[in-house]
Amino acid sequence: MTQPLIRAKGVGVIRNGRQLLKNADLTLDQGKIVTLIGPNGAGKTTLVRSVLGLIKTDEGTIERASELRIGYMPQKLHLDASLPLNVERFLLLGGKPRADLAEIQQLTGIQKLRKTPMQLLSGGETQRVLLARALLRDPQLLVLDEPVQGVDVSGQSALYALINEIRKERNCGVLLVSHDLHLVMATTDTVVCLNQHVCCQGHPDKVTNDPAYLALFGDALLENQGQAARIKSQVALYHHHHDHQHDAHGNVIKGGVGCSDSCEHDHHA
């Protein structure tokens, strides 16, 4: 059995006489996505900083793999509006990357943004650039703090799909902090529900039926269901019967008439 990248047991953090975190367990494995969820003030950031070694813990133990490489993607990026910094320069601020820059740019879909000033990026573009910067460390563990922050609804699913693709392609572990329960569950291997302590954890199917999870997120679940219904009503996909064939670029090459820009195809090799 492969040694965990990080194993935390009974972690507790006390600050100014207040218990921020108590008896928290967390195991991060290679090639697995662990999603950490919980309400505001639940101690998610405290646990993440603890396992990364950024803050001192008062209770419990944390074991890390030897010479563990970690790529971290922060929740937000604050840049001075007057700072002359384009995407490529931003990516190289951390020094010479361990991974191939061109490969990472292609993987995250930011090739055309290389010379774009950071201040002109959209929310989704900014998050992809931050993800690319984390990947340049060629991490064994990727830590993503609210990775879809500031991303519109249409881009959120795409970004989570990209994270899942990265996990499979690079076989790295992923620790993901998120509130987007309806989106992350599909690709998560383990969910850890936190509220100063670990309320429940396990496979998404198990956790979403746990009374502790339902007690914490009942209102959020109803809101997510409403959001999903609104998205479904807004996105109208045109389906039609095919009486023609397409080439690799989607152009009609045999029979029928051209497709509209909005039609959806299921292509099979």
Protein backbone atom coordinates (compact mmCIF):
# COMPACT_ATOMS: atom_id res chain seq x y z
CA MET A 1 0.00 0.00 0.00
CA THR A 2 1.33 3.46 -0.94
CA GLN A 3 2.38 5.67 1.95
CA PRO A 4 0.04 8.67 2.41
CA LEU A 5 1.34 12.06 1.30
CA ILE A 6 0.07 13.54 4.57
CA ARG A 7 -1.58 11.90 7.57
CA ALA A 8 -2.97 14.07 10.37
CA LYS A 9 -4.37 12.55 13.56
CA GLY A 10 -6.18 14.27 16.40
CA VAL A 11 -5.04 17.73 15.32
CA GLY A 12 -6.02 20.59 17.60
CA VAL A 13 -5.28 24.31 17.40
CA ILE A 14 -5.86 26.76 20.25
CA ARG A 15 -5.41 30.51 19.90
CA ASN A 16 -6.00 33.08 22.67
CA GLY A 17 -7.73 30.46 24.76
CA ARG A 18 -10.15 29.58 21.95
CA GLN A 19 -10.26 26.10 20.38
CA LEU A 20 -10.22 26.67 16.61
CA LEU A 21 -9.81 23.00 15.78
CA LYS A 22 -10.17 19.84 17.84
CA ASN A 23 -9.37 16.17 17.24
CA ALA A 24 -9.26 16.50 13.43
CA ASP A 25 -8.06 13.61 11.24
CA LEU A 26 -7.10 13.96 7.58
CA THR A 27 -5.35 11.58 5.17
CA LEU A 28 -4.17 12.69 1.72
CA ASP A 29 -3.14 10.02 -0.78
CA GLN A 30 -1.48 10.09 -4.17
CA GLY A 31 -3.97 10.27 -7.04
CA LYS A 32 -6.97 10.96 -4.78
CA ILE A 33 -9.15 14.06 -4.38
CA VAL A 34 -10.18 14.97 -0.84
CA THR A 35 -12.71 17.78 -0.50
CA LEU A 36 -12.87 19.71 2.77
CA ILE A 37 -16.24 21.32 3.42
CA GLY A 38 -17.78 23.22 6.31
CA PRO A 39 -19.51 26.48 7.22
CA ASN A 40 -17.65 29.75 7.65
CA GLY A 41 -15.53 29.63 10.79
CA ALA A 42 -15.46 25.82 10.79
CA GLY A 43 -11.64 25.70 10.86
CA LYS A 44 -11.03 24.70 7.24
CA THR A 45 -8.24 27.23 6.71
CA THR A 46 -6.74 26.34 10.09
CA LEU A 47 -6.63 22.63 9.17
CA VAL A 48 -5.13 23.33 5.74
CA ARG A 49 -2.43 25.57 7.21
CA SER A 50 -1.74 22.97 9.86
CA VAL A 51 -1.17 20.09 7.43
CA LEU A 52 1.00 22.33 5.25
CA GLY A 53 3.16 23.21 8.23
CA LEU A 54 2.34 26.92 8.08
CA ILE A 55 1.06 27.14 11.65
CA LYS A 56 1.96 25.33 14.84
CA THR A 57 -0.55 22.82 16.19
CA ASP A 58 -1.25 22.33 19.88
CA GLU A 59 -2.57 18.77 19.76
CA GLY A 60 -2.18 15.66 17.63
CA THR A 61 0.39 14.56 15.07
CA ILE A 62 1.03 15.29 11.38
CA GLU A 63 3.20 13.05 9.20
CA ARG A 64 4.33 14.19 5.76
CA ALA A 65 6.05 12.23 3.01
CA SER A 66 9.75 12.96 2.72
CA GLU A 67 10.57 15.96 0.48
CA LEU A 68 6.91 16.37 -0.39
CA ARG A 69 6.32 18.89 -3.20
CA ILE A 70 3.17 20.95 -2.71
CA GLY A 71 1.48 23.29 -5.19
CA TYR A 72 -0.84 25.81 -3.55
CA MET A 73 -3.62 27.77 -5.23
CA PRO A 74 -4.90 30.62 -3.02
CA GLN A 75 -8.54 31.64 -2.80
CA LYS A 76 -7.92 35.18 -4.03
CA LEU A 77 -5.17 37.16 -5.72
CA HIS A 78 -4.57 40.80 -4.81
CA LEU A 79 -2.42 42.77 -7.27
CA ASP A 80 -1.77 46.50 -7.45
CA ALA A 81 -3.62 47.87 -10.49
CA SER A 82 -0.52 49.81 -11.53
CA LEU A 83 1.84 46.81 -11.39
CA PRO A 84 3.13 46.03 -14.92
CA LEU A 85 2.83 42.26 -14.74
CA ASN A 86 1.66 39.99 -17.53
CA VAL A 87 0.69 36.33 -17.17
CA GLU A 88 4.04 34.87 -18.22
CA ARG A 89 6.02 37.07 -15.84
CA PHE A 90 3.61 36.23 -13.02
CA LEU A 91 4.07 32.51 -13.62
CA LEU A 92 7.85 32.84 -13.40
CA LEU A 93 7.92 34.96 -10.22
CA GLY A 94 8.63 31.88 -8.14
CA GLY A 95 11.86 31.16 -9.99
CA LYS A 96 12.70 28.40 -12.45
CA PRO A 97 9.77 25.96 -12.64
CA ARG A 98 10.19 22.22 -12.10
CA ALA A 99 7.57 21.43 -14.74
CA ASP A 100 7.59 22.47 -18.40
CA LEU A 101 6.02 25.92 -18.75
CA ALA A 102 4.59 25.37 -22.25
CA GLU A 103 3.07 22.03 -21.22
CA ILE A 104 1.39 23.55 -18.16
CA GLN A 105 0.06 26.48 -20.19
CA GLN A 106 -1.50 24.07 -22.67
CA LEU A 107 -2.91 21.85 -19.94
CA THR A 108 -4.66 24.78 -18.23
CA GLY A 109 -5.70 26.46 -21.51
CA ILE A 110 -3.89 29.76 -20.97
CA GLN A 111 -1.50 29.74 -23.98
CA LYS A 112 -3.13 32.80 -25.57
CA LEU A 113 -3.00 34.76 -22.32
CA ARG A 114 0.80 34.78 -21.93
CA LYS A 115 1.24 38.49 -22.70
CA THR A 116 -2.04 39.65 -21.15
CA PRO A 117 -1.73 41.93 -18.08
CA MET A 118 -2.91 40.08 -14.97
CA GLN A 119 -5.31 42.93 -14.16
CA LEU A 120 -7.25 42.37 -17.40
CA LEU A 121 -8.03 38.70 -16.81
CA SER A 122 -11.56 37.50 -16.11
CA GLY A 123 -12.31 35.57 -12.94
CA GLY A 124 -12.06 32.22 -14.71
CA GLU A 125 -8.84 33.16 -16.49
CA THR A 126 -7.26 34.31 -13.22
CA GLN A 127 -8.09 31.01 -11.53
CA ARG A 128 -6.58 29.03 -14.41
CA VAL A 129 -3.39 31.11 -14.19
CA LEU A 130 -3.21 30.48 -10.44
CA LEU A 131 -3.71 26.77 -11.08
CA ALA A 132 -0.94 26.82 -13.69
CA ARG A 133 1.43 28.51 -11.25
CA ALA A 134 0.74 25.83 -8.64
CA LEU A 135 1.40 23.10 -11.22
CA LEU A 136 4.78 24.57 -12.20
CA ARG A 137 6.16 23.11 -8.96
CA ASP A 138 5.34 19.65 -10.38
CA PRO A 139 3.49 18.95 -7.13
CA GLN A 140 2.82 15.59 -5.58
CA LEU A 141 0.04 17.32 -3.66
CA LEU A 142 -2.12 20.11 -5.06
CA VAL A 143 -3.91 22.27 -2.48
CA LEU A 144 -6.77 24.34 -3.90
CA ASP A 145 -8.56 26.87 -1.70
CA GLU A 146 -11.98 27.67 -3.21
CA PRO A 147 -10.66 27.26 -6.78
CA VAL A 148 -13.80 28.56 -8.52
CA GLN A 149 -13.90 31.82 -6.54
CA GLY A 150 -15.04 34.59 -8.90
CA VAL A 151 -15.80 32.17 -11.75
CA ASP A 152 -19.17 32.32 -13.51
CA VAL A 153 -21.47 29.30 -13.42
CA SER A 154 -20.57 28.06 -16.90
CA GLY A 155 -16.87 28.05 -16.01
CA GLN A 156 -17.16 26.29 -12.65
CA SER A 157 -17.92 22.82 -14.02
CA ALA A 158 -15.14 23.20 -16.61
CA LEU A 159 -12.61 24.11 -13.92
CA TYR A 160 -13.57 21.17 -11.71
CA ALA A 161 -13.36 18.87 -14.74
CA LEU A 162 -9.86 20.23 -15.43
CA ILE A 163 -8.81 19.54 -11.82
CA ASN A 164 -10.03 15.96 -12.18
CA GLU A 165 -8.15 15.60 -15.47
CA ILE A 166 -4.96 16.91 -13.82
CA ARG A 167 -5.34 14.43 -10.97
CA LYS A 168 -5.61 11.54 -13.42
CA GLU A 169 -2.89 12.72 -15.81
CA ARG A 170 -0.29 13.70 -13.19
CA ASN A 171 -1.34 11.24 -10.45
CA CYS A 172 -1.07 13.90 -7.76
CA GLY A 173 -3.09 14.10 -4.60
CA VAL A 174 -5.57 16.97 -4.35
CA LEU A 175 -6.89 18.73 -1.24
CA LEU A 176 -9.79 20.91 -2.28
CA VAL A 177 -11.55 23.41 -0.02
CA SER A 178 -14.98 24.22 -1.39
CA HIS A 179 -18.56 25.33 -0.76
CA ASP A 180 -19.79 24.15 -4.19
CA LEU A 181 -21.22 20.88 -2.97
CA HIS A 182 -23.29 20.07 -6.05
CA LEU A 183 -20.27 20.43 -8.36
CA VAL A 184 -17.40 18.84 -6.44
CA MET A 185 -19.12 15.65 -5.33
CA ALA A 186 -18.93 14.02 -8.77
CA THR A 187 -15.13 13.88 -8.87
CA THR A 188 -14.29 13.68 -5.16
CA ASP A 189 -13.00 10.45 -3.65
CA THR A 190 -13.40 11.51 -0.02
CA VAL A 191 -15.40 14.29 1.62
CA VAL A 192 -14.38 15.63 5.03
CA CYS A 193 -17.11 17.63 6.75
CA LEU A 194 -15.63 20.00 9.33
CA ASN A 195 -17.12 22.17 12.05
CA GLN A 196 -14.23 22.75 14.48
CA HIS A 197 -13.97 18.95 14.48
CA VAL A 198 -14.60 16.31 11.82
CA CYS A 199 -18.35 15.73 11.83
CA CYS A 200 -18.23 13.00 9.19
CA GLN A 201 -16.04 11.81 6.35
CA GLY A 202 -16.01 9.19 3.63
CA HIS A 203 -17.24 8.65 0.07
CA PRO A 204 -19.66 11.38 -1.13
CA ASP A 205 -22.57 8.92 -1.28
CA LYS A 206 -22.05 8.06 2.37
CA VAL A 207 -21.44 11.59 3.63
CA THR A 208 -24.41 13.19 1.86
CA ASN A 209 -26.73 10.86 3.78
CA ASP A 210 -25.05 11.44 7.14
CA PRO A 211 -27.25 13.31 9.69
CA ALA A 212 -24.31 15.59 10.63
CA TYR A 213 -23.88 16.63 6.99
CA LEU A 214 -27.59 17.24 6.51
CA ALA A 215 -27.75 19.28 9.72
CA LEU A 216 -24.92 21.56 8.54
CA PHE A 217 -25.87 21.89 4.89
CA GLY A 218 -29.61 21.37 4.64
CA ASP A 219 -30.30 24.97 3.62
CA ALA A 220 -27.33 25.01 1.23
CA LEU A 221 -28.54 21.84 -0.44
CA LEU A 222 -31.95 23.39 -1.11
CA GLU A 223 -30.22 26.48 -2.52
CA ASN A 224 -28.00 24.33 -4.75
CA GLN A 225 -31.01 22.43 -6.06
CA GLY A 226 -32.65 25.74 -6.95
CA GLN A 227 -29.47 26.95 -8.64
CA ALA A 228 -29.21 23.72 -10.65
CA ALA A 229 -32.82 24.15 -11.80
CA ARG A 230 -32.12 27.74 -12.85
CA ILE A 231 -29.01 26.71 -14.79
CA LYS A 232 -30.95 23.97 -16.55
CA SER A 233 -33.64 26.42 -17.60
CA GLN A 234 -31.07 28.93 -18.86
CA VAL A 235 -29.02 26.50 -20.92
CA ALA A 236 -31.08 25.34 -23.88
CA LEU A 237 -29.19 22.82 -26.01
CA TYR A 238 -30.49 22.18 -29.50
CA HIS A 239 -30.63 18.48 -30.34
CA HIS A 240 -31.36 17.29 -33.87
CA HIS A 241 -31.39 14.17 -35.97
CA HIS A 242 -28.18 13.71 -37.96
CA ASP A 243 -28.56 13.03 -41.68
CA HIS A 244 -24.95 14.00 -42.35
CA GLN A 245 -21.37 13.38 -41.24
CA HIS A 246 -18.69 15.68 -39.84
CA ASP A 247 -14.94 15.83 -40.23
CA ALA A 248 -12.60 16.24 -37.22
CA HIS A 249 -13.30 19.99 -37.17
CA GLY A 250 -17.08 19.68 -37.17
CA ASN A 251 -17.56 20.58 -40.84
CA VAL A 252 -20.25 18.75 -42.82
CA ILE A 253 -18.62 16.37 -45.30
CA LYS A 254 -21.47 14.11 -46.38
CA GLY A 255 -25.20 14.69 -46.81
CA GLY A 256 -27.63 16.99 -45.01
CA VAL A 257 -27.22 20.64 -44.19
CA GLY A 258 -24.82 22.46 -41.96
CA CYS A 259 -25.29 22.42 -38.19
CA SER A 260 -26.10 25.53 -36.26
CA ASP A 261 -23.54 26.89 -33.79
CA SER A 262 -25.73 25.77 -30.91
CA CYS A 263 -26.18 22.12 -31.80
CA GLU A 264 -24.67 19.46 -29.56
CA HIS A 265 -22.92 16.38 -30.91
CA ASP A 266 -21.79 13.14 -29.40
CA HIS A 267 -18.81 12.11 -31.54
CA HIS A 268 -17.39 8.64 -31.35
CA ALA A 269 -13.99 7.65 -32.68
